[in-house]
Protein backbone atom coordinates (compact mmCIF):
# COMPACT_ATOMS: atom_id res chain seq x y z
CA MET A 1 65.22 102.67 175.18
CA ARG A 2 67.24 103.98 172.59
CA ASP A 3 67.33 100.63 170.29
CA HIS A 4 63.61 100.61 170.48
CA LEU A 5 63.55 103.98 169.45
CA TYR A 6 65.89 103.29 166.37
CA LEU A 7 63.83 99.99 165.59
CA PHE A 8 60.89 102.40 165.16
CA ILE A 9 62.38 104.68 163.08
CA PHE A 10 63.59 101.93 160.89
CA MET A 11 60.21 100.13 160.17
CA LEU A 12 58.81 103.77 159.66
CA HIS A 13 61.36 104.70 157.01
CA PHE A 14 60.44 101.27 154.79
CA SER A 15 56.70 101.79 155.86
CA THR A 16 56.68 104.45 153.24
CA GLY A 17 57.43 102.29 150.28
CA CYS A 18 59.14 103.33 147.64
CA ILE A 19 58.46 107.02 146.04
CA VAL A 20 59.43 107.27 142.63
CA SER A 21 61.53 109.87 141.04
CA ASN A 22 59.96 112.22 138.07
CA VAL A 23 56.82 111.70 139.66
CA GLN A 24 53.79 113.37 137.57
CA GLN A 25 55.86 114.07 134.46
CA THR A 26 56.34 112.38 131.17
CA ILE A 27 59.76 111.49 129.76
CA GLU A 28 60.32 111.19 126.21
CA ILE A 29 62.73 108.14 124.96
CA THR A 30 63.35 107.12 121.11
CA GLY A 31 64.14 103.86 119.77
CA TYR A 32 64.65 102.29 116.53
CA THR A 33 63.15 98.82 115.09
CA GLY A 34 65.40 95.94 115.91
CA GLY A 35 67.06 97.83 118.68
CA SER A 36 66.64 97.67 122.71
CA VAL A 37 65.69 100.50 124.80
CA VAL A 38 65.41 101.62 128.66
CA LEU A 39 62.56 102.53 130.49
CA PRO A 40 63.31 104.60 133.58
CA CYS A 41 61.48 104.23 136.86
CA SER A 42 63.62 104.26 140.24
CA CYS A 43 62.68 104.98 143.58
CA ALA A 44 63.48 108.55 144.82
CA ASP A 45 65.49 106.72 148.03
CA PRO A 46 67.79 104.49 147.08
CA GLN A 47 67.33 102.34 150.31
CA SER A 48 63.78 101.87 150.02
CA THR A 49 62.08 98.68 148.09
CA ALA A 50 59.34 98.81 146.45
CA THR A 51 56.72 95.64 147.51
CA THR A 52 54.48 95.98 144.74
CA PHE A 53 55.15 98.21 141.21
CA THR A 54 53.63 97.56 137.36
CA TRP A 55 54.62 99.09 133.76
CA GLU A 56 51.38 99.53 131.79
CA PHE A 57 50.88 100.70 128.52
CA GLU A 58 48.49 102.73 126.40
CA HIS A 59 46.36 101.44 123.80
CA GLY A 60 43.30 102.67 122.52
CA ASN A 61 42.68 104.86 126.15
CA ARG A 62 43.06 102.02 128.06
CA TRP A 63 45.94 100.43 129.83
CA PHE A 64 47.00 97.36 129.61
CA GLN A 65 50.37 95.43 131.95
CA VAL A 66 53.54 94.98 129.75
CA LEU A 67 54.75 91.84 131.55
CA GLN A 68 51.00 90.21 131.15
CA ASN A 69 51.34 90.73 127.66
CA GLU A 70 51.55 88.49 124.98
CA LYS A 71 53.53 90.67 122.26
CA TYR A 72 55.97 91.80 124.75
CA SER A 73 56.60 87.80 125.72
CA GLY A 74 60.52 86.84 126.05
CA ARG A 75 61.45 90.87 125.10
CA SER A 76 60.43 92.62 128.49
CA VAL A 77 63.40 92.68 131.23
CA LEU A 78 62.89 93.98 134.61
CA PHE A 79 66.12 95.58 136.72
CA ASN A 80 64.34 95.11 139.77
CA GLU A 81 65.69 91.62 140.50
CA ARG A 82 69.19 92.71 140.80
CA SER A 83 68.83 96.05 142.34
CA PRO A 84 65.68 96.46 144.44
CA ALA A 85 65.09 100.47 144.02
CA ASN A 86 65.72 99.83 139.92
CA LEU A 87 62.17 99.66 138.31
CA SER A 88 63.35 100.64 135.24
CA LEU A 89 62.09 98.22 131.77
CA LEU A 90 63.57 96.62 129.12
CA ILE A 91 62.53 96.01 125.89
CA THR A 92 64.75 94.71 123.36
CA ASP A 93 63.71 93.49 119.48
CA LEU A 94 61.59 97.05 118.76
CA ARG A 95 58.79 97.22 116.54
CA LEU A 96 56.72 100.05 115.44
CA ASN A 97 53.55 98.88 117.39
CA ASP A 98 56.17 99.06 120.28
CA GLN A 99 55.30 103.05 120.34
CA HIS A 100 53.11 103.98 123.29
CA TYR A 101 52.34 105.78 126.49
CA TYR A 102 53.99 104.15 129.37
CA ARG A 103 53.69 104.19 133.04
CA CYS A 104 55.48 103.06 136.31
CA LYS A 105 53.17 102.58 138.94
CA THR A 106 54.20 101.83 142.28
CA GLU A 107 52.21 101.63 145.91
CA PRO A 108 51.24 104.72 147.51
CA ASN A 109 50.52 105.33 144.36
CA THR A 110 53.10 107.55 142.60
CA VAL A 111 53.89 107.54 138.60
CA ILE A 112 55.94 108.44 136.12
CA TYR A 113 55.22 108.32 132.21
CA VAL A 114 57.62 107.43 129.49
CA GLN A 115 56.44 108.12 125.98
CA LEU A 116 58.75 105.83 123.55
CA LYS A 117 58.86 106.77 120.02
CA VAL A 118 60.09 104.11 117.64
CA LYS A 119 61.81 104.81 114.09
CA GLY A 120 61.30 102.17 111.49
CA CYS A 121 63.26 101.58 108.35
CA ASN A 122 62.23 103.99 105.38
CA LEU A 123 64.34 102.68 102.33
CA PHE A 124 66.94 105.22 100.13
CA GLY A 125 64.77 105.56 96.86
CA ASN A 126 61.54 104.09 97.57
CA ARG A 127 59.31 102.76 94.84
CA GLU A 128 62.72 103.72 92.12
CA PHE A 129 63.89 101.12 89.65
CA ALA A 130 67.79 101.33 89.31
CA GLU A 131 69.73 100.13 86.40
CA VAL A 132 73.30 98.34 87.47
CA SER A 133 76.10 96.39 85.33
CA GLY A 134 78.48 94.26 86.17
CA TYR A 135 80.94 91.98 84.64
CA SER A 136 80.54 88.04 84.72
CA GLY A 137 82.88 86.18 86.61
CA GLU A 138 83.40 89.19 88.94
CA SER A 139 80.92 90.60 91.93
CA VAL A 140 78.22 93.21 91.45
CA VAL A 141 76.02 94.99 94.90
CA LEU A 142 72.63 96.08 94.76
CA PRO A 143 73.03 99.13 96.82
CA CYS A 144 69.86 99.37 99.56
CA SER A 145 69.60 100.88 102.61
CA CYS A 146 67.14 102.84 105.56
CA THR A 147 67.41 106.08 105.90
CA GLU A 148 67.91 105.22 109.80
CA LEU A 149 71.12 102.82 109.79
CA LEU A 150 70.44 102.22 113.62
CA ALA A 151 66.70 100.98 111.81
CA LYS A 152 66.51 97.52 111.53
CA PRO A 153 63.48 96.44 109.37
CA GLU A 154 61.28 93.84 111.03
CA GLN A 155 61.80 91.91 107.40
CA ILE A 156 64.26 92.14 104.68
CA GLN A 157 63.86 89.98 101.67
CA TRP A 158 65.68 90.13 98.21
CA THR A 159 64.09 88.83 95.39
CA TYR A 160 64.77 87.71 91.71
CA PHE A 161 62.44 87.95 88.84
CA ILE A 162 62.33 84.56 87.36
CA GLU A 163 59.29 82.65 85.62
CA LYS A 164 57.23 85.52 85.58
CA LYS A 165 57.23 85.98 89.25
CA HIS A 166 59.53 87.23 92.08
CA LYS A 167 61.80 84.25 93.89
CA GLU A 168 63.16 84.92 96.76
CA ILE A 169 67.40 84.57 96.94
CA TYR A 170 67.96 86.32 100.78
CA PRO A 171 67.39 84.94 103.60
CA ASN A 172 66.13 81.98 101.86
CA GLU A 173 67.71 80.89 99.22
CA GLN A 174 64.91 79.60 96.69
CA ILE A 175 66.55 79.50 93.27
CA GLU A 176 69.60 76.72 92.67
CA SER A 177 71.25 79.19 90.70
CA HIS A 178 72.12 81.70 93.39
CA LYS A 179 72.86 79.23 96.36
CA ASN A 180 75.97 80.52 98.28
CA ARG A 181 76.62 83.74 95.80
CA VAL A 182 74.43 85.93 97.51
CA LYS A 183 74.95 87.77 101.18
CA LEU A 184 74.31 91.60 102.47
CA LEU A 185 77.34 93.26 102.23
CA ASN A 186 77.81 94.47 105.85
CA PRO A 187 75.58 92.64 108.03
CA ASN A 188 76.60 94.48 111.29
CA THR A 189 75.17 97.67 110.03
CA PRO A 190 71.54 96.96 110.78
CA GLY A 191 70.34 99.49 108.01
CA ASN A 192 72.50 98.55 105.56
CA LEU A 193 70.58 95.74 103.33
CA SER A 194 72.72 95.94 100.32
CA LEU A 195 73.37 92.55 98.52
CA ARG A 196 77.02 90.98 97.06
CA ILE A 197 76.27 89.20 94.12
CA SER A 198 79.57 86.87 93.69
CA ALA A 199 80.61 84.64 90.37
CA LEU A 200 78.34 86.73 87.66
CA THR A 201 77.56 84.68 84.74
CA THR A 202 75.09 86.13 81.73
CA GLU A 203 71.90 84.18 83.33
CA ASP A 204 71.97 86.33 86.75
CA GLN A 205 70.87 88.98 84.98
CA GLY A 206 67.15 90.80 85.12
CA VAL A 207 65.66 92.26 88.16
CA TYR A 208 65.79 91.78 91.54
CA GLN A 209 63.84 93.32 94.73
CA CYS A 210 64.73 94.96 98.18
CA TYR A 211 61.45 94.29 99.79
CA VAL A 212 61.04 95.85 103.78
CA SER A 213 57.39 95.89 103.64
CA PRO A 214 54.48 96.11 100.95
CA GLN A 215 55.16 100.19 101.34
CA GLN A 216 58.86 99.91 101.38
CA VAL A 217 60.35 98.45 97.95
CA VAL A 218 63.34 99.26 95.68
CA ALA A 219 63.91 97.65 92.23
CA PHE A 220 66.83 96.90 90.35
CA ARG A 221 67.50 96.13 86.50
CA LEU A 222 70.74 94.08 86.46
CA THR A 223 73.15 93.61 83.35
CA VAL A 224 75.55 91.14 83.37
CA LEU A 225 78.49 91.75 80.51
CA HIS A 226 81.38 89.92 79.21
CA ALA A 227 84.78 89.89 80.23
CA GLU A 228 85.66 91.28 77.31
CA GLU A 229 83.62 94.76 76.79
CA LYS A 230 84.97 95.81 80.24
CA PRO A 231 86.98 98.68 78.71
CA HIS A 232 91.05 98.24 79.67
CA VAL A 233 93.24 100.87 81.21
CA HIS A 234 96.21 101.65 78.90
CA THR A 235 99.84 102.15 80.80
CA ILE A 236 102.51 104.96 79.03
CA SER A 237 105.54 104.10 79.78
CA LEU A 238 108.19 106.49 78.19
CA THR A 239 111.67 104.83 77.54
CA THR A 240 114.96 106.47 76.64
CA ASN A 241 117.44 105.11 73.82
CA GLN A 242 115.26 103.40 71.98
CA PRO A 243 115.69 103.11 68.53
CA SER A 244 113.30 104.42 65.85
CA HIS A 245 113.10 101.51 63.87
CA GLN A 246 111.95 98.99 66.41
CA THR A 247 108.85 97.91 66.16
CA GLN A 248 106.28 98.85 68.75
CA ASP A 249 103.66 96.64 69.78
CA SER A 250 99.45 97.12 68.91
CA THR A 251 98.54 98.94 71.38
CA THR A 252 101.20 101.28 71.66
CA SER A 253 101.02 102.06 67.66
CA GLN A 254 97.28 103.31 68.44
CA LEU A 255 98.14 106.02 70.67
CA GLN A 256 97.75 109.20 68.82
CA PRO A 257 100.37 111.94 69.30
CA THR A 258 98.09 114.12 71.86
CA GLU A 259 97.61 110.93 73.69
CA LEU A 260 101.39 110.51 74.11
CA ILE A 261 101.91 114.11 75.60
CA THR A 262 98.97 114.44 77.56
CA PRO A 263 100.50 113.49 80.63
CA ASN A 264 102.86 115.94 80.41
CA GLN A 265 100.71 119.23 79.06
CA HIS A 266 99.91 120.46 82.75
CA HIS A 267 103.78 121.19 83.07
CA THR A 268 103.98 123.34 79.88
CA ALA A 269 102.23 126.73 81.67
CA TYR A 270 104.64 125.99 84.25
CA ASP A 271 107.80 125.54 82.57
CA VAL A 272 107.38 128.59 80.07
CA PHE A 273 106.90 130.66 83.48
CA ILE A 274 110.05 129.65 84.92
CA LEU A 275 111.88 129.98 81.59
CA LEU A 276 110.17 133.81 81.23
CA GLY A 277 111.50 134.17 84.93
CA VAL A 278 114.88 133.77 84.58
CA PHE A 279 115.56 135.42 81.24
CA PHE A 280 114.38 138.52 82.50
CA SER A 281 116.51 137.64 85.77
CA VAL A 282 119.32 137.65 83.37
CA ILE A 283 118.60 141.22 81.12
CA LEU A 284 117.94 143.12 84.85
CA LEU A 285 121.53 141.29 86.23
CA ALA A 286 123.21 142.63 82.89
CA LEU A 287 121.66 145.97 83.26
CA LEU A 288 122.65 146.70 86.91
CA ALA A 289 126.84 145.19 85.93
CA PHE A 290 126.35 148.07 83.20
CA ILE A 291 125.59 150.68 85.52
CA CYS A 292 128.11 149.96 87.92
CA TRP A 293 130.48 149.68 85.71
CA ARG A 294 129.99 153.22 84.34
CA CYS A 295 130.19 154.37 87.95
CA ARG A 296 133.35 153.16 88.40
CA GLY A 297 134.59 154.61 84.87
CA GLY A 298 133.40 158.01 85.63
CA ARG A 299 135.40 158.29 89.09
CA ASN A 300 138.50 157.18 87.19
CA ASP A 301 138.54 159.79 84.48
CA LYS A 302 141.06 162.95 84.80
CA LYS A 303 138.75 165.95 86.06
CA VAL A 304 138.63 168.63 83.89
CA THR A 305 138.82 172.16 84.98
CA THR A 306 138.37 175.85 83.31
CA ASP A 307 140.00 177.62 86.42
CA PRO A 308 142.52 179.95 84.14
CA GLU A 309 145.20 180.22 86.98
CA GLU A 310 144.97 176.27 87.02
CA LEU A 311 145.75 176.07 83.50
CA LYS A 312 148.64 178.09 83.86
CA ARG A 313 150.11 176.45 86.55
CA GLU A 314 149.70 173.34 84.70
CA GLN A 315 151.34 174.32 81.66
CA ASP A 316 154.40 176.37 83.67
CA ASN A 317 155.18 172.44 84.98
CA GLN A 318 154.97 171.03 81.56
CA ASP A 319 157.85 173.95 80.48
CA ASP A 320 160.02 173.25 83.60
CA VAL A 321 161.98 170.78 81.78
CA THR A 322 162.60 169.90 78.50
CA TYR A 323 163.61 166.77 77.00
CA SER A 324 166.07 166.18 74.43
CA ALA A 325 167.73 162.63 73.14
CA VAL A 326 171.30 162.46 72.23
CA VAL A 327 171.63 161.21 69.09
CA HIS A 328 175.08 159.51 67.86
CA VAL A 329 175.77 159.84 64.32
CA LYS A 330 178.70 157.81 62.49
CA THR A 331 179.98 158.28 59.33
CA ALA A 332 180.14 155.80 57.00
CA SER A 333 182.96 154.43 56.68
CA THR A 334 185.87 155.27 53.93
CA PRO A 335 186.97 152.86 50.72
CA ALA A 336 189.28 150.00 51.84
CA HIS A 337 192.30 151.15 49.86
CA THR A 338 192.42 154.50 52.01
CA HIS A 339 193.90 154.16 55.46
CA ASN A 340 192.06 157.58 56.99
CA ASP A 341 190.22 156.38 60.22
CA PRO A 342 186.51 157.18 60.50
CA GLU A 343 185.28 160.12 61.87
CA GLU A 344 182.51 160.51 64.44
CA PHE A 345 180.69 163.67 64.96
CA THR A 346 178.43 163.82 68.43
CA GLU A 347 175.24 166.43 68.20
CA TYR A 348 173.85 167.76 71.15
CA ALA A 349 170.17 169.16 71.12
CA ARG A 350 169.62 171.93 73.06
CA ILE A 351 167.87 171.80 76.80
CA ASN A 352 166.30 174.85 77.66
CA VAL A 353 165.19 175.07 81.03
CA LYS A 354 162.56 177.78 81.60
CA ARG A 355 162.18 179.55 85.24
């Protein structure tokens, strides 16, 4: 009896079929031309299975089945085969005319709506005419790109105006002179349509066009210059111990004096600032040294007093002892024919001692 009850509940569960999530709601999806987009639709119960369901798109107030429409042939894929509860639709290689309202319908007539917006390629500088120059033997890039780098144009064509008409040089090389010398600068970025032309010759100059649609065109005028016309960048090297009579090469001799000092001009203000700082620092140190010397000299000066008693005491100390020198006077010697002994006189100076 219990087994029959479980079987009844199981059959009842699947008899309800697939009820999609977000019923009667509209989901907005944005895609880019050339890219892919997934329109979501799935059963609310992951264990349920949709017996029948359809994807339709609206056009002219009418609904058409996506999988049966020729314009979606080879560009639409369902996920239902791998996951029965996943009814989502994948559309690849998007085009501008894929922008519609879509709906996912399952059996008991449950529906969700999806609004698909498709952004196409709008060229930078549309309808403008630009000047580009290059040098013979080198490469040049003609810049062209979409405002949306993720948007790949439905067609891209580069043309060269020759013999009074535009001839295609990319992707089909209709001009023999441009074969194997032109390619897109970055093919991995859908919206970057810039063209590189290598091994330039003077015959390559002229008018080129980046063509996406009759409403999206950018033109360029290419001028090819001779390699000799390319400006040279002179490198100035400073050497020391070079004899003044040494002959310089023609390039260096043409440089003016101002050109020789130009690399060091930006150091002048900085060097002057450093010299002024050093000068004022030396002046300040000298001033501080003078002040210290004056302070130390003042401490060593003898203290001067005007006190009468102290002055008297100092005078008495000076008068206590008077020193005198003992002077020995030796008389001159007598003539040689006399026999008298020389006499010596000793004079003692008096010493006054005051008590």
